[in-house]
Amino acid sequence: MTPIQAKAQQVKASFADQGIPVSQWADQNGYRRSDVYRVLNGFTACKRGLPHEIAVKLGLKPAPAKAKP
């Protein structure tokens, strides 16, 4: 199991403990439910774009460092 998969399991467990459906989190954060499920279940690489953004928001990946001007 990769570190991201382990974190995804922790996020799912946290949602379950709090009684929050993944679909509710997706709706509240403006993401399609299917995209969030794909990230949490490891069907998307999360290297860039929307999957990466979702992974960062879920805490699966660190936020990218901002470039200095």
PDB file of N, CA and C in Angstrom:
ATOM      1  N   MET A   1       0.849  -1.174   0.000  1.00  0.00           N
ATOM      2  CA  MET A   1       0.000   0.000   0.000  1.00  0.00           C
ATOM      3  C   MET A   1       0.899   1.243   0.000  1.00  0.00           C
ATOM      4  N   THR A   2       0.617   2.151  -0.899  1.00  0.00           N
ATOM      5  CA  THR A   2       1.409   3.383  -0.991  1.00  0.00           C
ATOM      6  C   THR A   2       0.985   4.354   0.119  1.00  0.00           C
ATOM      7  N   PRO A   3       1.815   5.350   0.397  1.00  0.00           N
ATOM      8  CA  PRO A   3       1.448   6.342   1.423  1.00  0.00           C
ATOM      9  C   PRO A   3       0.138   7.069   1.105  1.00  0.00           C
ATOM     10  N   ILE A   4      -0.096   7.359  -0.172  1.00  0.00           N
ATOM     11  CA  ILE A   4      -1.347   8.046  -0.541  1.00  0.00           C
ATOM     12  C   ILE A   4      -2.543   7.128  -0.307  1.00  0.00           C
ATOM     13  N   GLN A   5      -2.405   5.849  -0.615  1.00  0.00           N
ATOM     14  CA  GLN A   5      -3.496   4.907  -0.369  1.00  0.00           C
ATOM     15  C   GLN A   5      -3.795   4.797   1.125  1.00  0.00           C
ATOM     16  N   ALA A   6      -2.737   4.778   1.926  1.00  0.00           N
ATOM     17  CA  ALA A   6      -2.926   4.706   3.376  1.00  0.00           C
ATOM     18  C   ALA A   6      -3.643   5.956   3.893  1.00  0.00           C
ATOM     19  N   LYS A   7      -3.229   7.125   3.395  1.00  0.00           N
ATOM     20  CA  LYS A   7      -3.890   8.367   3.799  1.00  0.00           C
ATOM     21  C   LYS A   7      -5.339   8.390   3.333  1.00  0.00           C
ATOM     22  N   ALA A   8      -5.592   7.860   2.129  1.00  0.00           N
ATOM     23  CA  ALA A   8      -6.965   7.818   1.619  1.00  0.00           C
ATOM     24  C   ALA A   8      -7.840   6.966   2.534  1.00  0.00           C
ATOM     25  N   GLN A   9      -7.306   5.857   3.008  1.00  0.00           N
ATOM     26  CA  GLN A   9      -8.057   5.013   3.947  1.00  0.00           C
ATOM     27  C   GLN A   9      -8.345   5.772   5.240  1.00  0.00           C
ATOM     28  N   GLN A  10      -7.373   6.557   5.704  1.00  0.00           N
ATOM     29  CA  GLN A  10      -7.573   7.359   6.909  1.00  0.00           C
ATOM     30  C   GLN A  10      -8.644   8.423   6.697  1.00  0.00           C
ATOM     31  N   VAL A  11      -8.629   9.050   5.521  1.00  0.00           N
ATOM     32  CA  VAL A  11      -9.635  10.075   5.216  1.00  0.00           C
ATOM     33  C   VAL A  11     -11.024   9.444   5.182  1.00  0.00           C
ATOM     34  N   LYS A  12     -11.144   8.287   4.534  1.00  0.00           N
ATOM     35  CA  LYS A  12     -12.447   7.613   4.475  1.00  0.00           C
ATOM     36  C   LYS A  12     -12.920   7.231   5.876  1.00  0.00           C
ATOM     37  N   ALA A  13     -11.999   6.740   6.714  1.00  0.00           N
ATOM     38  CA  ALA A  13     -12.355   6.375   8.085  1.00  0.00           C
ATOM     39  C   ALA A  13     -12.778   7.601   8.883  1.00  0.00           C
ATOM     40  N   SER A  14     -12.091   8.720   8.655  1.00  0.00           N
ATOM     41  CA  SER A  14     -12.436   9.960   9.335  1.00  0.00           C
ATOM     42  C   SER A  14     -13.833  10.432   8.936  1.00  0.00           C
ATOM     43  N   PHE A  15     -14.128  10.363   7.651  1.00  0.00           N
ATOM     44  CA  PHE A  15     -15.473  10.723   7.191  1.00  0.00           C
ATOM     45  C   PHE A  15     -16.517   9.821   7.857  1.00  0.00           C
ATOM     46  N   ALA A  16     -16.239   8.527   7.910  1.00  0.00           N
ATOM     47  CA  ALA A  16     -17.181   7.581   8.507  1.00  0.00           C
ATOM     48  C   ALA A  16     -17.373   7.873   9.996  1.00  0.00           C
ATOM     49  N   ASP A  17     -16.277   8.161  10.699  1.00  0.00           N
ATOM     50  CA  ASP A  17     -16.364   8.467  12.132  1.00  0.00           C
ATOM     51  C   ASP A  17     -17.195   9.712  12.400  1.00  0.00           C
ATOM     52  N   GLN A  18     -17.101  10.679  11.504  1.00  0.00           N
ATOM     53  CA  GLN A  18     -17.838  11.932  11.666  1.00  0.00           C
ATOM     54  C   GLN A  18     -19.246  11.866  11.071  1.00  0.00           C
ATOM     55  N   GLY A  19     -19.558  10.765  10.414  1.00  0.00           N
ATOM     56  CA  GLY A  19     -20.874  10.620   9.796  1.00  0.00           C
ATOM     57  C   GLY A  19     -21.053  11.479   8.565  1.00  0.00           C
ATOM     58  N   ILE A  20     -19.948  11.804   7.895  1.00  0.00           N
ATOM     59  CA  ILE A  20     -19.998  12.648   6.699  1.00  0.00           C
ATOM     60  C   ILE A  20     -19.832  11.766   5.464  1.00  0.00           C
ATOM     61  N   PRO A  21     -20.823  11.713   4.593  1.00  0.00           N
ATOM     62  CA  PRO A  21     -20.652  10.972   3.341  1.00  0.00           C
ATOM     63  C   PRO A  21     -19.642  11.677   2.432  1.00  0.00           C
ATOM     64  N   VAL A  22     -18.890  10.914   1.689  1.00  0.00           N
ATOM     65  CA  VAL A  22     -17.933  11.477   0.744  1.00  0.00           C
ATOM     66  C   VAL A  22     -18.677  12.381  -0.244  1.00  0.00           C
ATOM     67  N   SER A  23     -19.863  11.969  -0.629  1.00  0.00           N
ATOM     68  CA  SER A  23     -20.639  12.770  -1.580  1.00  0.00           C
ATOM     69  C   SER A  23     -20.966  14.146  -1.010  1.00  0.00           C
ATOM     70  N   GLN A  24     -21.234  14.232   0.281  1.00  0.00           N
ATOM     71  CA  GLN A  24     -21.521  15.516   0.913  1.00  0.00           C
ATOM     72  C   GLN A  24     -20.282  16.402   0.890  1.00  0.00           C
ATOM     73  N   TRP A  25     -19.115  15.832   1.201  1.00  0.00           N
ATOM     74  CA  TRP A  25     -17.872  16.599   1.162  1.00  0.00           C
ATOM     75  C   TRP A  25     -17.633  17.121  -0.253  1.00  0.00           C
ATOM     76  N   ALA A  26     -17.848  16.266  -1.242  1.00  0.00           N
ATOM     77  CA  ALA A  26     -17.649  16.659  -2.640  1.00  0.00           C
ATOM     78  C   ALA A  26     -18.568  17.824  -3.002  1.00  0.00           C
ATOM     79  N   ASP A  27     -19.836  17.704  -2.649  1.00  0.00           N
ATOM     80  CA  ASP A  27     -20.800  18.766  -2.961  1.00  0.00           C
ATOM     81  C   ASP A  27     -20.424  20.083  -2.274  1.00  0.00           C
ATOM     82  N   GLN A  28     -20.026  20.013  -1.002  1.00  0.00           N
ATOM     83  CA  GLN A  28     -19.692  21.211  -0.243  1.00  0.00           C
ATOM     84  C   GLN A  28     -18.442  21.905  -0.778  1.00  0.00           C
ATOM     85  N   ASN A  29     -17.566  21.134  -1.405  1.00  0.00           N
ATOM     86  CA  ASN A  29     -16.312  21.700  -1.902  1.00  0.00           C
ATOM     87  C   ASN A  29     -16.322  21.943  -3.408  1.00  0.00           C
ATOM     88  N   GLY A  30     -17.465  21.729  -4.043  1.00  0.00           N
ATOM     89  CA  GLY A  30     -17.620  22.059  -5.457  1.00  0.00           C
ATOM     90  C   GLY A  30     -17.005  21.068  -6.425  1.00  0.00           C
ATOM     91  N   TYR A  31     -16.843  19.817  -5.998  1.00  0.00           N
ATOM     92  CA  TYR A  31     -16.279  18.783  -6.867  1.00  0.00           C
ATOM     93  C   TYR A  31     -17.352  17.775  -7.238  1.00  0.00           C
ATOM     94  N   ARG A  32     -17.154  17.152  -8.389  1.00  0.00           N
ATOM     95  CA  ARG A  32     -18.054  16.060  -8.753  1.00  0.00           C
ATOM     96  C   ARG A  32     -17.770  14.873  -7.845  1.00  0.00           C
ATOM     97  N   ARG A  33     -18.827  14.213  -7.427  1.00  0.00           N
ATOM     98  CA  ARG A  33     -18.679  13.060  -6.537  1.00  0.00           C
ATOM     99  C   ARG A  33     -17.792  11.990  -7.157  1.00  0.00           C
ATOM    100  N   SER A  34     -17.964  11.738  -8.431  1.00  0.00           N
ATOM    101  CA  SER A  34     -17.181  10.695  -9.096  1.00  0.00           C
ATOM    102  C   SER A  34     -15.693  11.008  -9.074  1.00  0.00           C
ATOM    103  N   ASP A  35     -15.338  12.295  -9.208  1.00  0.00           N
ATOM    104  CA  ASP A  35     -13.922  12.680  -9.168  1.00  0.00           C
ATOM    105  C   ASP A  35     -13.320  12.417  -7.788  1.00  0.00           C
ATOM    106  N   VAL A  36     -14.063  12.739  -6.744  1.00  0.00           N
ATOM    107  CA  VAL A  36     -13.567  12.523  -5.381  1.00  0.00           C
ATOM    108  C   VAL A  36     -13.420  11.021  -5.113  1.00  0.00           C
ATOM    109  N   TYR A  37     -14.398  10.237  -5.525  1.00  0.00           N
ATOM    110  CA  TYR A  37     -14.304   8.790  -5.329  1.00  0.00           C
ATOM    111  C   TYR A  37     -13.117   8.208  -6.098  1.00  0.00           C
ATOM    112  N   ARG A  38     -12.867   8.705  -7.294  1.00  0.00           N
ATOM    113  CA  ARG A  38     -11.725   8.210  -8.081  1.00  0.00           C
ATOM    114  C   ARG A  38     -10.401   8.504  -7.382  1.00  0.00           C
ATOM    115  N   VAL A  39     -10.301   9.680  -6.773  1.00  0.00           N
ATOM    116  CA  VAL A  39      -9.078  10.030  -6.037  1.00  0.00           C
ATOM    117  C   VAL A  39      -8.947   9.144  -4.802  1.00  0.00           C
ATOM    118  N   LEU A  40     -10.016   9.025  -4.016  1.00  0.00           N
ATOM    119  CA  LEU A  40      -9.953   8.245  -2.781  1.00  0.00           C
ATOM    120  C   LEU A  40      -9.725   6.759  -3.021  1.00  0.00           C
ATOM    121  N   ASN A  41     -10.198   6.251  -4.142  1.00  0.00           N
ATOM    122  CA  ASN A  41     -10.071   4.818  -4.413  1.00  0.00           C
ATOM    123  C   ASN A  41      -8.870   4.480  -5.288  1.00  0.00           C
ATOM    124  N   GLY A  42      -8.052   5.481  -5.604  1.00  0.00           N
ATOM    125  CA  GLY A  42      -6.805   5.231  -6.310  1.00  0.00           C
ATOM    126  C   GLY A  42      -6.923   4.999  -7.804  1.00  0.00           C
ATOM    127  N   PHE A  43      -8.032   5.413  -8.397  1.00  0.00           N
ATOM    128  CA  PHE A  43      -8.201   5.225  -9.838  1.00  0.00           C
ATOM    129  C   PHE A  43      -7.589   6.363 -10.653  1.00  0.00           C
ATOM    130  N   THR A  44      -7.151   7.424  -9.972  1.00  0.00           N
ATOM    131  CA  THR A  44      -6.571   8.582 -10.631  1.00  0.00           C
ATOM    132  C   THR A  44      -5.184   8.840 -10.041  1.00  0.00           C
ATOM    133  N   ALA A  45      -4.234   9.208 -10.885  1.00  0.00           N
ATOM    134  CA  ALA A  45      -2.849   9.385 -10.440  1.00  0.00           C
ATOM    135  C   ALA A  45      -2.643  10.612  -9.548  1.00  0.00           C
ATOM    136  N   CYS A  46      -3.468  11.624  -9.650  1.00  0.00           N
ATOM    137  CA  CYS A  46      -3.388  12.844  -8.819  1.00  0.00           C
ATOM    138  C   CYS A  46      -2.089  13.611  -9.007  1.00  0.00           C
ATOM    139  N   LYS A  47      -1.548  13.589 -10.209  1.00  0.00           N
ATOM    140  CA  LYS A  47      -0.285  14.288 -10.461  1.00  0.00           C
ATOM    141  C   LYS A  47      -0.480  15.748 -10.825  1.00  0.00           C
ATOM    142  N   ARG A  48      -1.611  16.083 -11.436  1.00  0.00           N
ATOM    143  CA  ARG A  48      -1.853  17.465 -11.839  1.00  0.00           C
ATOM    144  C   ARG A  48      -3.344  17.663 -12.074  1.00  0.00           C
ATOM    145  N   GLY A  49      -3.709  18.913 -12.227  1.00  0.00           N
ATOM    146  CA  GLY A  49      -5.092  19.247 -12.535  1.00  0.00           C
ATOM    147  C   GLY A  49      -6.047  19.002 -11.374  1.00  0.00           C
ATOM    148  N   LEU A  50      -7.288  18.736 -11.722  1.00  0.00           N
ATOM    149  CA  LEU A  50      -8.342  18.571 -10.732  1.00  0.00           C
ATOM    150  C   LEU A  50      -8.074  17.425  -9.753  1.00  0.00           C
ATOM    151  N   PRO A  51      -7.626  16.251 -10.217  1.00  0.00           N
ATOM    152  CA  PRO A  51      -7.344  15.186  -9.239  1.00  0.00           C
ATOM    153  C   PRO A  51      -6.294  15.605  -8.204  1.00  0.00           C
ATOM    154  N   HIS A  52      -5.268  16.321  -8.649  1.00  0.00           N
ATOM    155  CA  HIS A  52      -4.248  16.805  -7.715  1.00  0.00           C
ATOM    156  C   HIS A  52      -4.853  17.793  -6.726  1.00  0.00           C
ATOM    157  N   GLU A  53      -5.684  18.687  -7.231  1.00  0.00           N
ATOM    158  CA  GLU A  53      -6.341  19.682  -6.374  1.00  0.00           C
ATOM    159  C   GLU A  53      -7.193  18.998  -5.307  1.00  0.00           C
ATOM    160  N   ILE A  54      -7.933  17.982  -5.697  1.00  0.00           N
ATOM    161  CA  ILE A  54      -8.772  17.241  -4.751  1.00  0.00           C
ATOM    162  C   ILE A  54      -7.898  16.538  -3.716  1.00  0.00           C
ATOM    163  N   ALA A  55      -6.820  15.906  -4.158  1.00  0.00           N
ATOM    164  CA  ALA A  55      -5.924  15.207  -3.242  1.00  0.00           C
ATOM    165  C   ALA A  55      -5.321  16.163  -2.221  1.00  0.00           C
ATOM    166  N   VAL A  56      -4.959  17.362  -2.647  1.00  0.00           N
ATOM    167  CA  VAL A  56      -4.409  18.359  -1.723  1.00  0.00           C
ATOM    168  C   VAL A  56      -5.484  18.784  -0.729  1.00  0.00           C
ATOM    169  N   LYS A  57      -6.687  19.034  -1.222  1.00  0.00           N
ATOM    170  CA  LYS A  57      -7.787  19.488  -0.350  1.00  0.00           C
ATOM    171  C   LYS A  57      -8.162  18.422   0.677  1.00  0.00           C
ATOM    172  N   LEU A  58      -8.049  17.146   0.295  1.00  0.00           N
ATOM    173  CA  LEU A  58      -8.341  16.046   1.214  1.00  0.00           C
ATOM    174  C   LEU A  58      -7.192  15.780   2.179  1.00  0.00           C
ATOM    175  N   GLY A  59      -6.025  16.372   1.901  1.00  0.00           N
ATOM    176  CA  GLY A  59      -4.873  16.152   2.755  1.00  0.00           C
ATOM    177  C   GLY A  59      -4.045  14.936   2.375  1.00  0.00           C
ATOM    178  N   LEU A  60      -4.288  14.405   1.173  1.00  0.00           N
ATOM    179  CA  LEU A  60      -3.537  13.244   0.706  1.00  0.00           C
ATOM    180  C   LEU A  60      -2.154  13.628   0.213  1.00  0.00           C
ATOM    181  N   LYS A  61      -2.030  14.863  -0.269  1.00  0.00           N
ATOM    182  CA  LYS A  61      -0.759  15.366  -0.798  1.00  0.00           C
ATOM    183  C   LYS A  61      -0.521  16.754  -0.220  1.00  0.00           C
ATOM    184  N   PRO A  62       0.744  17.127  -0.071  1.00  0.00           N
ATOM    185  CA  PRO A  62       1.016  18.485   0.421  1.00  0.00           C
ATOM    186  C   PRO A  62       0.687  19.527  -0.650  1.00  0.00           C
ATOM    187  N   ALA A  63       0.349  20.701  -0.189  1.00  0.00           N
ATOM    188  CA  ALA A  63       0.083  21.803  -1.119  1.00  0.00           C
ATOM    189  C   ALA A  63       1.382  22.176  -1.813  1.00  0.00           C
ATOM    190  N   PRO A  64       1.329  22.474  -3.111  1.00  0.00           N
ATOM    191  CA  PRO A  64       2.551  22.866  -3.811  1.00  0.00           C
ATOM    192  C   PRO A  64       3.083  24.192  -3.278  1.00  0.00           C
ATOM    193  N   ALA A  65       4.396  24.305  -3.275  1.00  0.00           N
ATOM    194  CA  ALA A  65       5.027  25.559  -2.842  1.00  0.00           C
ATOM    195  C   ALA A  65       4.749  26.642  -3.870  1.00  0.00           C
ATOM    196  N   LYS A  66       4.496  27.818  -3.392  1.00  0.00           N
ATOM    197  CA  LYS A  66       4.233  28.935  -4.298  1.00  0.00           C
ATOM    198  C   LYS A  66       5.551  29.453  -4.853  1.00  0.00           C
ATOM    199  N   ALA A  67       5.539  29.775  -6.129  1.00  0.00           N
ATOM    200  CA  ALA A  67       6.740  30.298  -6.775  1.00  0.00           C
ATOM    201  C   ALA A  67       6.995  31.732  -6.306  1.00  0.00           C
ATOM    202  N   LYS A  68       8.259  32.028  -6.073  1.00  0.00           N
ATOM    203  CA  LYS A  68       8.621  33.391  -5.667  1.00  0.00           C
ATOM    204  C   LYS A  68       8.788  34.259  -6.910  1.00  0.00           C
ATOM    205  N   PRO A  69       8.289  35.509  -6.869  1.00  0.00           N
ATOM    206  CA  PRO A  69       8.403  36.380  -8.047  1.00  0.00           C
ATOM    207  C   PRO A  69       9.825  36.820  -8.291  1.00  0.00           C
TER     208      PRO A  69
END
